[in-house]
Each structure stands twice: as C-alpha cells, then as structure tokens.
Amino acid sequence: MSRIVIIGGGPGGYEAALVAAQLDADVTLVEAEGAGGACVLSDCVPSKTFIASSEIVTGYRHNDRFGVRSAGLDAVSVDAAAVNKRVKQLALAQSGDIQAKLIKAGVDVVHGTARLGEDTLGHTHQVLVTPHGRDEYAIDATTVLIATGATPRVLPTAVPDGERILNWRQVYDLEELPEHLVVIGSGVTGAEFASAYLAMGVRVTLVSSRERVMPHEDADAAMAIERVFRERGMAILNQSRADSVVNTGSGVTVTLSDGRTVEGSHALITVGAVPNTADLGLREYGVDLGAGGYVAVDRVSRTNVPGIYAAGDCTGVLALASVAAMQGRIAVWHAMGEAVAPLRLRTVSANVFTDPELATVGVSQNDVDQGKVPARQVMLPLTGNARAKMAGLQDGFVKLFCRPATGQIVGGVVVAPKASELILPITMAVENNLTVDQLAHTITIYPSLSGSIAEAARQLMQHELQ
C-alpha cells in the first residue's frame, strides 16, 4: 500500500488527501492550525465572508432611482464586532466540515508540524512529525506532498502590531471599523479590502506604487474599477511607495518615499506573501528552492527529488485556491500511477472580489498587445445590456479574445457584479476549444447579463465574416 504524507492542510493538501484516500492509500495529513489551513481559517474564506457583509451595505446605495424610498446609506450602520464574529464562525465551521470529510475518508489528520528527516536509501522518504503537545515520531513515506502555503510579507519599517498596523489576517480582531484606513499595496488583496471597507462607509486611502491599481490585471478592467473607487470617494495615491508606517498611539503615520505623509487611524499592509518553506528540511534533503524560497515544481507538481511533490502557494505557481487544489490532486494521481493531464494555467479563471468584480481567463490583453498571442477581440460595455439597465449598472464590460482565422475563443475578461459567476461560460469555451460561432449560436436568457457574452461572440463572428 502507498504511504503518503501531506504537510499542510490547505486546499492543496486536503484535496490531495481526499484523492489519495479514494485511491486506497495510507494517508497522513499534518496541519498546524486546522483543516483547511490558512485559506479557510484566515485568508480566502474570511475575506470573502467579510466582503459579503460589505455587499449588503452596497445594496442600499441609490435606492431612490428604483422607486424605493429609504434613508439610504446614511441610515446604515455596520457593527464591526458582529461582522468579524460571523467571519470567524464561518471559517471555523468550514474548517470543521473539511476535518469531518477527511476523517470520514480515512485520512489520519495530525494537528502539528512536520519536516523531512534524513535521506535514506530505498524508495521511501522519512518524515518527522511533531503533534502539538506530543513527542516527535517518524513516518517512512513512499510519497511526500509539501503544501504549506504562504504568510503575509512583512516590511521591516511597517511591522504589524495587531492594533493599528495590520496585516490581512488581523483585521478580524477589530472591535470597531477604522475611521480612516490607509491600505498599502494595490494588488488583488489590497484592492479587495479597500473596496469592502469603502462600501462599509470607512474613509479609505489606497497607496499604489504603480500607475494604476491591480497592475497585473487587465488594464481596461483595472482602470474601470479604479474609476469606480474614485467616484465613491476613495483617495488613490498612484506611483507612491510607502517607506514606513508608525503607530502614533491614536493613529498611524505613513511616510512615502517622496517625503509626503498620510495620517490615518489604521494601516493595512498588503504587499504580498512569502512561502512557508523554512524549517521543513527541504534544502538539506536536496529539494530545489527557487527565487524567494518557493519550491520548484513541474506541471505535474514534481520537485527535483523523486517522490517529493509540492502544491499551492509555497510553489509560487499561481496563488489561487483552485490552482492549489488541482496541483495537489495532480500530484497524487501522478504519484499513484493514474492517468493525469499536466496543469494548464491558460484555462484557469481568476476573480478579484471588488465591487464590481473582475474576472479573467486565458490570454491577456498584454499577451495580445505584445504580439505573444495573435487574437481578435471585442469589448462590450454593459451599459447596453437590458438586465444591466434594470439593475442600474453603469460600470462594467465583457471582453472576448479569439484566434484570427479559426475564431477559437482563447480568453476573456468580465467586469460586473458576480463576474466570478459570469466568467464560467467563457472558461468552458476556452477549456473546450469552442469558437465564437458556437458561443454565438447558444441561446441565452433574456434579459440576462450573460447575454452580453453571446453578443460579444456574435460581434466577433461578424468580424470573421467580413
């Protein structure tokens, strides 16, 4: 029987454990914090739950134009303690559900830490496991999966204190909403929290070191969302880098690289993450680590050491829970001799949970503009969509990319409420090599936002016929 040890219980780890158990392997999963790992307990699940509360507040905006009389946003108050209590409860409940699923599948779940032991001859790998409050013991495993995730990056001049200088895992301990939140870092995490707090009525200043927010996202989409942020009152400091953050006792002072200062009540540091690969014995065991300490893996999650695999944020491949989960499954399928397709990042959809949301899949605008991928494209604003008009939506669009000759759909972008749901048909088109003709001939609900996806395909089909 295969003996598999998985270090880390996030999506990359627990999904791999479930697959391994299904294939009748002897599986041990070692996790320090709880089933689901940081993704469930402090990152993805809590942040999206927090954002869900902000969306409730957003629903009170501009009700009068629908003929609904209310006191509007001025009459809405947010109980931060209650919001954060719900966030933590849902995270723990989700962790409990995952724990129960693992145990039911026959996985040995160990709450503790683990590291690779001494390199031994043969086809097994020694893993040293230390359960919380118990002595260390060794397991000889045929396969080891490293799925230890990542931790918020700390700036030496802006060290989180859990009181006024916070990382994204500490915001849920606040008893009251910040009066003025200074968000440092305008990537996905920074944009999501800035959007959510702005919706809750908090004054927000977003410090961005680039020309626009979310510099790695589609430029049209990022600029559309930045425009919404500004219209709703967010102060955005583009091309501004924070040199230091100081807790003054009654607030924070953020000093920028050009000497300017920004005063706020709290600062949220969102400047990326670092992989949790220290203290695992990887280098000593001969496992290659790339730049920044990420575990180097191929498209079937293998490291350079046979029998040692890695998945999730510790690999630096693409920091998405969905990708981590698939990396973990692929690792187990490959290790146990199952037929497996290598990871295809071109078919992975991603979403930024701002308001409105930003979803992408496949080739990017940069790929097309730089000539890396030949493609035709169309961008269709939602302002012409009947359902969008009914809902009072004034921001957002659908963008499609297709091959110039064949019309095969190779990518797309959606900016809209619930873009995370609307991107699915485009993702399915990319995954299954559908053409704009096939998508254009698909009957959609009228009225619906998804109708704009088919309309974009029809416009590309018309261009194809010209």
Protein backbone atom coordinates (compact mmCIF):
# COMPACT_ATOMS: atom_id res chain seq x y z
CA MET A 1 0.00 0.00 0.00
CA SER A 2 1.21 3.51 -0.82
CA ARG A 3 2.09 5.59 2.23
CA ILE A 4 1.51 9.28 1.56
CA VAL A 5 2.37 12.10 3.96
CA ILE A 6 0.99 15.56 3.23
CA ILE A 7 2.46 18.54 5.06
CA GLY A 8 -0.11 21.34 5.07
CA GLY A 9 -3.90 21.13 5.23
CA GLY A 10 -4.98 23.92 2.89
CA PRO A 11 -6.69 23.28 -0.47
CA GLY A 12 -3.52 21.81 -1.96
CA GLY A 13 -3.18 19.43 0.97
CA TYR A 14 -6.69 18.38 1.91
CA GLU A 15 -7.88 17.89 -1.68
CA ALA A 16 -4.82 15.74 -2.34
CA ALA A 17 -5.56 13.74 0.83
CA LEU A 18 -9.12 13.04 -0.29
CA VAL A 19 -7.91 11.82 -3.71
CA ALA A 20 -5.24 9.64 -2.10
CA ALA A 21 -7.76 8.09 0.30
CA GLN A 22 -10.12 7.43 -2.61
CA LEU A 23 -7.28 5.50 -4.26
CA ASP A 24 -6.82 3.40 -1.09
CA ALA A 25 -3.53 4.93 0.00
CA ASP A 26 -2.48 5.16 3.65
CA VAL A 27 -2.68 8.94 4.11
CA THR A 28 -1.37 11.16 6.90
CA LEU A 29 -2.09 14.88 6.71
CA VAL A 30 -0.17 17.16 9.08
CA GLU A 31 -1.58 20.66 9.66
CA ALA A 32 -0.56 23.14 12.35
CA GLU A 33 -3.62 25.40 12.50
CA GLY A 34 -6.65 23.36 11.45
CA ALA A 35 -8.22 21.62 8.47
CA GLY A 36 -8.39 23.96 5.52
CA GLY A 37 -5.22 25.74 6.57
CA ALA A 38 -4.76 29.50 6.28
CA CYS A 39 -7.00 29.63 3.20
CA VAL A 40 -10.05 28.64 5.25
CA LEU A 41 -9.10 29.99 8.66
CA SER A 42 -7.51 33.36 7.91
CA ASP A 43 -7.32 34.18 4.21
CA CYS A 44 -9.76 33.34 1.42
CA VAL A 45 -12.86 32.23 3.34
CA PRO A 46 -12.72 35.04 5.96
CA SER A 47 -12.01 37.79 3.40
CA LYS A 48 -14.84 36.74 1.10
CA THR A 49 -17.20 36.46 4.08
CA PHE A 50 -16.19 39.97 5.11
CA ILE A 51 -16.79 41.19 1.56
CA ALA A 52 -20.25 39.58 1.63
CA SER A 53 -21.16 41.88 4.53
CA SER A 54 -19.95 44.90 2.57
CA GLU A 55 -22.15 43.86 -0.36
CA ILE A 56 -25.22 44.07 1.90
CA VAL A 57 -24.36 47.71 2.60
CA THR A 58 -23.81 48.37 -1.11
CA GLY A 59 -27.39 47.26 -1.75
CA TYR A 60 -28.65 50.43 -0.03
CA ARG A 61 -26.89 52.73 -2.49
CA HIS A 62 -29.11 54.84 -4.80
CA ASN A 63 -32.37 53.08 -3.89
CA ASP A 64 -34.41 56.14 -4.89
CA ARG A 65 -33.78 55.60 -8.58
CA PHE A 66 -35.64 52.28 -8.30
CA GLY A 67 -38.64 53.96 -6.70
CA VAL A 68 -37.72 52.55 -3.28
CA ARG A 69 -37.84 55.15 -0.53
CA SER A 70 -35.34 54.67 2.27
CA ALA A 71 -32.92 56.73 4.27
CA GLY A 72 -30.12 55.31 2.12
CA LEU A 73 -26.57 54.72 3.26
CA ASP A 74 -26.83 57.37 5.97
CA ALA A 75 -29.22 55.14 7.90
CA VAL A 76 -26.99 52.06 7.61
CA SER A 77 -24.56 51.22 10.39
CA VAL A 78 -22.05 48.39 10.47
CA ASP A 79 -21.33 46.50 13.69
CA ALA A 80 -17.70 45.56 13.10
CA ALA A 81 -17.58 43.17 16.06
CA ALA A 82 -20.65 41.30 14.77
CA VAL A 83 -19.28 41.18 11.21
CA ASN A 84 -15.94 39.82 12.40
CA LYS A 85 -17.62 37.33 14.72
CA ARG A 86 -19.57 35.94 11.77
CA VAL A 87 -16.37 35.81 9.70
CA LYS A 88 -14.60 33.73 12.33
CA GLN A 89 -17.59 31.46 12.94
CA LEU A 90 -17.97 30.65 9.25
CA ALA A 91 -14.25 29.98 8.92
CA LEU A 92 -14.30 27.57 11.86
CA ALA A 93 -17.44 25.88 10.54
CA GLN A 94 -15.85 25.39 7.13
CA SER A 95 -12.71 24.01 8.76
CA GLY A 96 -14.84 21.61 10.79
CA ASP A 97 -16.64 20.40 7.67
CA ILE A 98 -13.31 19.69 5.97
CA GLN A 99 -11.99 17.89 9.06
CA ALA A 100 -15.08 15.68 9.15
CA LYS A 101 -14.76 14.89 5.45
CA LEU A 102 -11.10 13.91 5.85
CA ILE A 103 -11.79 11.66 8.82
CA LYS A 104 -14.74 10.02 7.05
CA ALA A 105 -12.45 9.30 4.09
CA GLY A 106 -9.98 7.55 6.37
CA VAL A 107 -7.25 10.21 6.44
CA ASP A 108 -5.09 10.34 9.59
CA VAL A 109 -5.22 14.05 10.46
CA VAL A 110 -2.40 15.18 12.76
CA HIS A 111 -2.51 18.63 14.35
CA GLY A 112 1.12 19.62 14.48
CA THR A 113 4.17 20.20 12.31
CA ALA A 114 6.38 18.05 10.12
CA ARG A 115 9.66 18.17 8.25
CA LEU A 116 11.77 15.90 6.11
CA GLY A 117 14.19 13.72 8.02
CA GLU A 118 17.45 12.18 6.93
CA ASP A 119 17.85 10.99 3.37
CA THR A 120 17.78 7.20 3.39
CA LEU A 121 18.41 4.53 0.80
CA GLY A 122 15.48 2.92 -0.92
CA HIS A 123 12.18 4.21 -2.22
CA THR A 124 10.84 5.87 0.92
CA HIS A 125 11.24 9.28 2.49
CA GLN A 126 11.49 9.86 6.22
CA VAL A 127 9.09 12.47 7.58
CA LEU A 128 9.47 13.65 11.17
CA VAL A 129 6.06 14.53 12.63
CA THR A 130 5.58 16.53 15.84
CA PRO A 131 1.95 16.61 17.03
CA HIS A 132 1.01 19.53 19.27
CA GLY A 133 1.90 18.60 22.86
CA ARG A 134 3.39 15.21 21.93
CA ASP A 135 6.78 13.76 21.04
CA GLU A 136 8.19 13.61 17.55
CA TYR A 137 7.91 10.39 15.57
CA ALA A 138 8.97 9.27 12.10
CA ILE A 139 6.97 8.01 9.13
CA ASP A 140 8.53 6.32 6.11
CA ALA A 141 6.51 7.53 3.16
CA THR A 142 6.55 6.50 -0.48
CA THR A 143 5.28 9.97 -1.42
CA VAL A 144 5.51 13.33 0.34
CA LEU A 145 3.49 16.39 -0.67
CA ILE A 146 4.57 19.81 0.57
CA ALA A 147 1.54 22.12 0.75
CA THR A 148 2.49 24.61 3.44
CA GLY A 149 1.16 27.79 1.84
CA ALA A 150 2.46 31.31 2.42
CA THR A 151 2.46 34.05 5.04
CA PRO A 152 1.87 37.81 4.66
CA ARG A 153 5.08 39.60 3.76
CA VAL A 154 6.35 41.95 6.47
CA LEU A 155 8.03 45.26 5.71
CA PRO A 156 10.82 45.95 8.23
CA THR A 157 9.63 49.56 8.51
CA ALA A 158 5.94 48.67 8.83
CA VAL A 159 5.73 45.69 11.15
CA PRO A 160 2.11 44.76 12.00
CA ASP A 161 1.27 45.15 15.69
CA GLY A 162 -2.30 43.84 15.59
CA GLU A 163 -3.61 47.17 16.92
CA ARG A 164 -3.26 49.90 14.29
CA ILE A 165 -0.78 48.42 11.84
CA LEU A 166 -2.43 45.28 10.50
CA ASN A 167 -1.93 42.51 8.01
CA TRP A 168 -4.97 40.98 6.32
CA ARG A 169 -5.21 38.23 8.93
CA GLN A 170 -5.52 40.69 11.83
CA VAL A 171 -8.38 42.89 10.63
CA TYR A 172 -10.96 40.45 12.02
CA ASP A 173 -9.87 41.24 15.59
CA LEU A 174 -11.02 44.88 15.35
CA GLU A 175 -13.98 45.75 17.57
CA GLU A 176 -14.83 48.87 15.56
CA LEU A 177 -14.43 49.95 11.96
CA PRO A 178 -11.41 52.16 11.26
CA GLU A 179 -12.14 55.85 10.88
CA HIS A 180 -9.57 56.23 8.12
CA LEU A 181 -7.90 53.12 6.71
CA VAL A 182 -4.67 53.50 4.76
CA VAL A 183 -4.19 50.43 2.57
CA ILE A 184 -0.60 49.91 1.48
CA GLY A 185 -0.38 47.79 -1.66
CA SER A 186 -2.86 47.89 -4.53
CA GLY A 187 -2.70 44.31 -5.71
CA VAL A 188 -5.67 41.97 -5.51
CA THR A 189 -5.74 41.74 -1.69
CA GLY A 190 -5.32 45.47 -1.18
CA ALA A 191 -8.00 46.31 -3.75
CA GLU A 192 -10.48 43.83 -2.25
CA PHE A 193 -10.14 45.15 1.31
CA ALA A 194 -10.12 48.78 0.14
CA SER A 195 -13.35 48.13 -1.77
CA ALA A 196 -15.04 46.35 1.15
CA TYR A 197 -14.14 48.96 3.77
CA LEU A 198 -15.14 51.78 1.41
CA ALA A 199 -18.55 50.15 0.97
CA MET A 200 -18.93 49.99 4.76
CA GLY A 201 -18.54 53.75 4.98
CA VAL A 202 -14.88 53.86 6.00
CA ARG A 203 -12.67 56.61 4.63
CA VAL A 204 -10.01 54.78 2.59
CA THR A 205 -6.68 55.87 1.14
CA LEU A 206 -5.03 53.36 -1.17
CA VAL A 207 -1.26 53.66 -1.65
CA SER A 208 -0.25 52.21 -5.01
CA SER A 209 3.35 52.01 -6.19
CA ARG A 210 2.24 51.67 -9.83
CA GLU A 211 0.40 53.88 -12.32
CA ARG A 212 -2.88 52.11 -11.57
CA VAL A 213 -4.39 49.71 -9.08
CA MET A 214 -4.04 45.98 -9.71
CA PRO A 215 -1.17 46.43 -12.18
CA HIS A 216 -1.06 42.74 -13.10
CA GLU A 217 -4.73 42.61 -14.13
CA ASP A 218 -6.32 43.57 -17.44
CA ALA A 219 -5.66 47.30 -17.87
CA ASP A 220 -9.18 48.15 -19.09
CA ALA A 221 -10.70 46.26 -16.16
CA ALA A 222 -8.37 47.71 -13.53
CA MET A 223 -8.92 51.26 -14.77
CA ALA A 224 -12.69 50.75 -14.74
CA ILE A 225 -12.58 49.62 -11.12
CA GLU A 226 -10.20 52.42 -10.15
CA ARG A 227 -12.65 54.88 -11.69
CA VAL A 228 -15.46 53.43 -9.55
CA PHE A 229 -13.26 53.66 -6.45
CA ARG A 230 -12.56 57.33 -7.07
CA GLU A 231 -16.21 58.14 -7.82
CA ARG A 232 -17.19 56.61 -4.49
CA GLY A 233 -14.69 58.73 -2.58
CA MET A 234 -11.57 56.61 -2.27
CA ALA A 235 -8.28 58.52 -2.29
CA ILE A 236 -5.79 56.68 -4.51
CA LEU A 237 -2.12 57.68 -4.44
CA ASN A 238 -0.64 56.27 -7.65
CA GLN A 239 3.10 55.88 -8.14
CA SER A 240 3.56 56.27 -4.40
CA ARG A 241 5.63 53.91 -2.30
CA ALA A 242 5.33 53.65 1.47
CA ASP A 243 8.70 53.84 3.22
CA SER A 244 7.43 53.40 6.77
CA VAL A 245 4.35 53.14 8.96
CA VAL A 246 4.37 54.29 12.59
CA ASN A 247 1.73 53.69 15.27
CA THR A 248 1.33 57.07 16.96
CA GLY A 249 -0.93 55.71 19.68
CA SER A 250 -4.01 57.48 18.39
CA GLY A 251 -3.48 56.60 14.74
CA VAL A 252 -0.82 55.88 12.14
CA THR A 253 1.59 57.98 10.11
CA VAL A 254 2.55 56.60 6.71
CA THR A 255 5.67 58.17 5.24
CA LEU A 256 6.01 57.91 1.46
CA SER A 257 9.29 57.65 -0.45
CA ASP A 258 8.94 61.24 -1.70
CA GLY A 259 8.66 62.58 1.85
CA ARG A 260 4.89 63.07 1.93
CA THR A 261 2.98 61.69 4.89
CA VAL A 262 -0.51 60.26 5.20
CA GLU A 263 -2.32 60.25 8.54
CA GLY A 264 -4.92 57.59 9.28
CA SER A 265 -6.49 55.67 12.13
CA HIS A 266 -5.23 52.30 10.89
CA ALA A 267 -2.95 50.91 8.20
CA LEU A 268 -3.47 47.64 6.35
CA ILE A 269 -0.31 46.10 4.85
CA THR A 270 -0.96 44.10 1.67
CA VAL A 271 2.42 43.79 -0.03
CA GLY A 272 2.41 40.14 -0.99
CA ALA A 273 3.32 36.91 0.76
CA VAL A 274 6.35 34.72 1.39
CA PRO A 275 6.30 30.91 1.11
CA ASN A 276 6.29 28.78 4.26
CA THR A 277 9.28 26.66 3.24
CA ALA A 278 11.70 27.29 6.10
CA ASP A 279 12.21 24.63 8.78
CA LEU A 280 10.95 21.84 6.52
CA GLY A 281 14.40 20.39 5.83
CA LEU A 282 13.96 20.87 2.10
CA ARG A 283 17.41 22.20 1.20
CA GLU A 284 19.10 19.60 3.39
CA TYR A 285 17.14 16.91 1.60
CA GLY A 286 18.19 18.25 -1.79
CA VAL A 287 14.88 19.77 -2.84
CA ASP A 288 15.41 22.73 -5.16
CA LEU A 289 14.04 26.08 -3.97
CA GLY A 290 13.67 28.90 -6.45
CA ALA A 291 13.85 32.65 -6.01
CA GLY A 292 12.14 33.80 -2.83
CA GLY A 293 12.20 30.33 -1.32
CA TYR A 294 9.40 28.86 -3.45
CA VAL A 295 9.51 25.12 -4.12
CA ALA A 296 10.38 24.49 -7.76
CA VAL A 297 7.87 22.12 -9.41
CA ASP A 298 6.92 20.98 -12.89
CA ARG A 299 3.41 20.81 -14.36
CA VAL A 300 2.61 17.56 -12.53
CA SER A 301 3.77 19.02 -9.18
CA ARG A 302 7.06 17.11 -9.01
CA THR A 303 10.14 18.56 -7.35
CA ASN A 304 13.62 17.52 -8.45
CA VAL A 305 13.59 14.71 -5.85
CA PRO A 306 11.61 11.62 -6.94
CA GLY A 307 8.65 11.03 -4.65
CA ILE A 308 8.63 14.60 -3.29
CA TYR A 309 5.84 16.83 -4.66
CA ALA A 310 4.62 20.32 -3.82
CA ALA A 311 1.37 22.24 -4.34
CA GLY A 312 -0.19 25.59 -3.60
CA ASP A 313 1.19 28.98 -2.62
CA CYS A 314 4.52 27.52 -1.47
CA THR A 315 5.28 26.80 -5.15
CA GLY A 316 4.63 30.32 -6.42
CA VAL A 317 2.83 28.94 -9.49
CA LEU A 318 -0.41 30.90 -9.16
CA ALA A 319 -1.77 31.92 -5.76
CA LEU A 320 -5.32 30.64 -6.15
CA ALA A 321 -7.09 28.06 -4.01
CA SER A 322 -8.43 26.38 -7.14
CA VAL A 323 -4.92 26.00 -8.57
CA ALA A 324 -3.55 24.70 -5.27
CA ALA A 325 -6.29 22.09 -5.11
CA MET A 326 -5.62 20.93 -8.67
CA GLN A 327 -1.86 20.84 -8.09
CA GLY A 328 -2.47 18.60 -5.09
CA ARG A 329 -4.79 16.25 -6.96
CA ILE A 330 -2.40 16.05 -9.90
CA ALA A 331 0.47 15.22 -7.55
CA VAL A 332 -1.39 12.27 -6.04
CA TRP A 333 -2.70 11.00 -9.37
CA HIS A 334 0.81 11.11 -10.80
CA ALA A 335 2.43 9.53 -7.74
CA MET A 336 -0.05 6.65 -7.77
CA GLY A 337 0.28 5.95 -11.48
CA GLU A 338 -3.07 7.34 -12.56
CA ALA A 339 -3.52 8.96 -15.96
CA VAL A 340 -3.16 12.70 -15.44
CA ALA A 341 -3.07 15.82 -17.58
CA PRO A 342 -0.42 18.43 -16.65
CA LEU A 343 -1.62 21.68 -15.10
CA ARG A 344 -2.87 24.13 -17.74
CA LEU A 345 -2.78 27.67 -16.42
CA ARG A 346 -4.29 29.01 -19.64
CA THR A 347 -7.64 27.53 -18.69
CA VAL A 348 -7.65 28.79 -15.08
CA SER A 349 -10.13 31.56 -14.31
CA ALA A 350 -9.42 34.09 -11.58
CA ASN A 351 -11.55 36.69 -9.83
CA VAL A 352 -10.97 39.86 -7.85
CA PHE A 353 -13.79 40.34 -5.33
CA THR A 354 -14.04 44.11 -5.55
CA ASP A 355 -17.28 45.96 -6.33
CA PRO A 356 -17.71 45.44 -9.24
CA GLU A 357 -15.82 42.16 -9.55
CA LEU A 358 -13.09 41.49 -12.11
CA ALA A 359 -12.82 38.01 -13.63
CA THR A 360 -10.33 36.76 -16.22
CA VAL A 361 -9.43 33.57 -18.06
CA GLY A 362 -6.99 32.61 -20.80
CA VAL A 363 -4.81 35.01 -22.75
CA SER A 364 -4.43 38.55 -21.52
CA GLN A 365 -4.56 41.92 -23.23
CA ASN A 366 -0.80 42.19 -22.65
CA ASP A 367 -0.24 38.91 -24.49
CA VAL A 368 -2.16 40.25 -27.47
CA ASP A 369 -0.66 43.76 -27.43
CA GLN A 370 2.90 42.39 -27.23
CA GLY A 371 2.31 40.00 -30.12
CA LYS A 372 2.75 36.87 -28.00
CA VAL A 373 -0.70 35.59 -29.00
CA PRO A 374 -2.41 36.55 -32.26
CA ALA A 375 -6.03 37.34 -31.48
CA ARG A 376 -9.03 39.42 -32.43
CA GLN A 377 -11.03 40.99 -29.65
CA VAL A 378 -14.18 42.85 -28.79
CA MET A 379 -15.11 44.77 -25.63
CA LEU A 380 -18.81 45.20 -24.98
CA PRO A 381 -19.89 47.69 -22.26
CA LEU A 382 -22.73 46.51 -20.03
CA THR A 383 -24.48 49.85 -20.44
CA GLY A 384 -26.28 48.43 -23.50
CA ASN A 385 -27.44 45.29 -21.68
CA ALA A 386 -31.15 45.33 -20.75
CA ARG A 387 -30.66 43.47 -17.45
CA ALA A 388 -27.85 45.85 -16.50
CA LYS A 389 -30.15 48.83 -17.17
CA MET A 390 -32.85 47.29 -14.98
CA ALA A 391 -30.34 46.81 -12.17
CA GLY A 392 -28.95 50.33 -12.59
CA LEU A 393 -25.49 49.07 -13.51
CA GLN A 394 -23.38 51.73 -15.14
CA ASP A 395 -19.93 50.16 -14.87
CA GLY A 396 -18.56 47.00 -16.40
CA PHE A 397 -17.98 45.17 -19.64
CA VAL A 398 -17.39 41.83 -21.33
CA LYS A 399 -14.24 41.30 -23.39
CA LEU A 400 -13.54 38.25 -25.58
CA PHE A 401 -10.39 37.16 -27.42
CA CYS A 402 -10.39 34.65 -30.30
CA ARG A 403 -7.98 33.24 -32.88
CA PRO A 404 -7.93 35.42 -36.02
CA ALA A 405 -8.52 32.59 -38.52
CA THR A 406 -10.50 29.92 -36.67
CA GLY A 407 -12.50 32.04 -34.23
CA GLN A 408 -11.45 29.74 -31.36
CA ILE A 409 -12.04 31.52 -28.03
CA VAL A 410 -8.77 31.89 -26.15
CA GLY A 411 -9.60 34.29 -23.35
CA GLY A 412 -11.97 36.74 -21.77
CA VAL A 413 -12.49 39.42 -19.15
CA VAL A 414 -15.66 40.34 -17.26
CA VAL A 415 -16.15 43.38 -15.04
CA ALA A 416 -19.56 43.18 -13.39
CA PRO A 417 -21.34 42.22 -10.18
CA LYS A 418 -20.80 38.47 -9.71
CA ALA A 419 -18.23 38.36 -12.50
CA SER A 420 -16.97 35.22 -10.72
CA GLU A 421 -20.14 33.50 -11.95
CA LEU A 422 -20.28 35.13 -15.39
CA ILE A 423 -16.74 34.02 -16.31
CA LEU A 424 -17.75 30.33 -16.27
CA PRO A 425 -19.15 30.11 -19.83
CA ILE A 426 -16.02 31.80 -21.17
CA THR A 427 -13.85 29.43 -19.14
CA MET A 428 -15.75 26.44 -20.54
CA ALA A 429 -15.27 27.84 -24.05
CA VAL A 430 -11.51 28.19 -23.52
CA GLU A 431 -11.23 24.75 -21.89
CA ASN A 432 -13.16 23.01 -24.66
CA ASN A 433 -11.75 24.96 -27.63
CA LEU A 434 -15.13 26.41 -28.60
CA THR A 435 -15.39 29.02 -31.33
CA VAL A 436 -17.18 32.34 -31.34
CA ASP A 437 -19.65 30.79 -33.80
CA GLN A 438 -20.58 28.08 -31.29
CA LEU A 439 -20.94 30.57 -28.46
CA ALA A 440 -22.88 32.99 -30.64
CA HIS A 441 -25.40 30.29 -31.57
CA THR A 442 -26.05 29.48 -27.90
CA ILE A 443 -29.45 30.75 -26.77
CA THR A 444 -29.20 32.85 -23.64
CA ILE A 445 -31.84 34.04 -21.20
CA TYR A 446 -33.36 37.43 -21.98
CA PRO A 447 -32.79 39.65 -20.18
CA SER A 448 -29.54 38.49 -18.58
CA LEU A 449 -26.02 39.76 -18.09
CA SER A 450 -24.75 36.54 -19.66
CA GLY A 451 -26.49 37.64 -22.85
CA SER A 452 -23.63 40.11 -23.33
CA ILE A 453 -21.19 37.19 -23.59
CA ALA A 454 -23.11 35.72 -26.52
CA GLU A 455 -23.48 39.18 -28.03
CA ALA A 456 -19.71 39.72 -27.86
CA ALA A 457 -19.26 36.39 -29.64
CA ARG A 458 -21.73 37.47 -32.33
CA GLN A 459 -19.77 40.65 -32.91
CA LEU A 460 -16.56 38.67 -33.30
CA MET A 461 -18.33 36.27 -35.65
CA GLN A 462 -19.45 39.21 -37.79
CA HIS A 463 -15.86 40.44 -37.94
CA GLU A 464 -14.85 36.95 -39.00
CA LEU A 465 -17.26 37.09 -41.93
CA GLN A 466 -16.00 40.44 -43.20
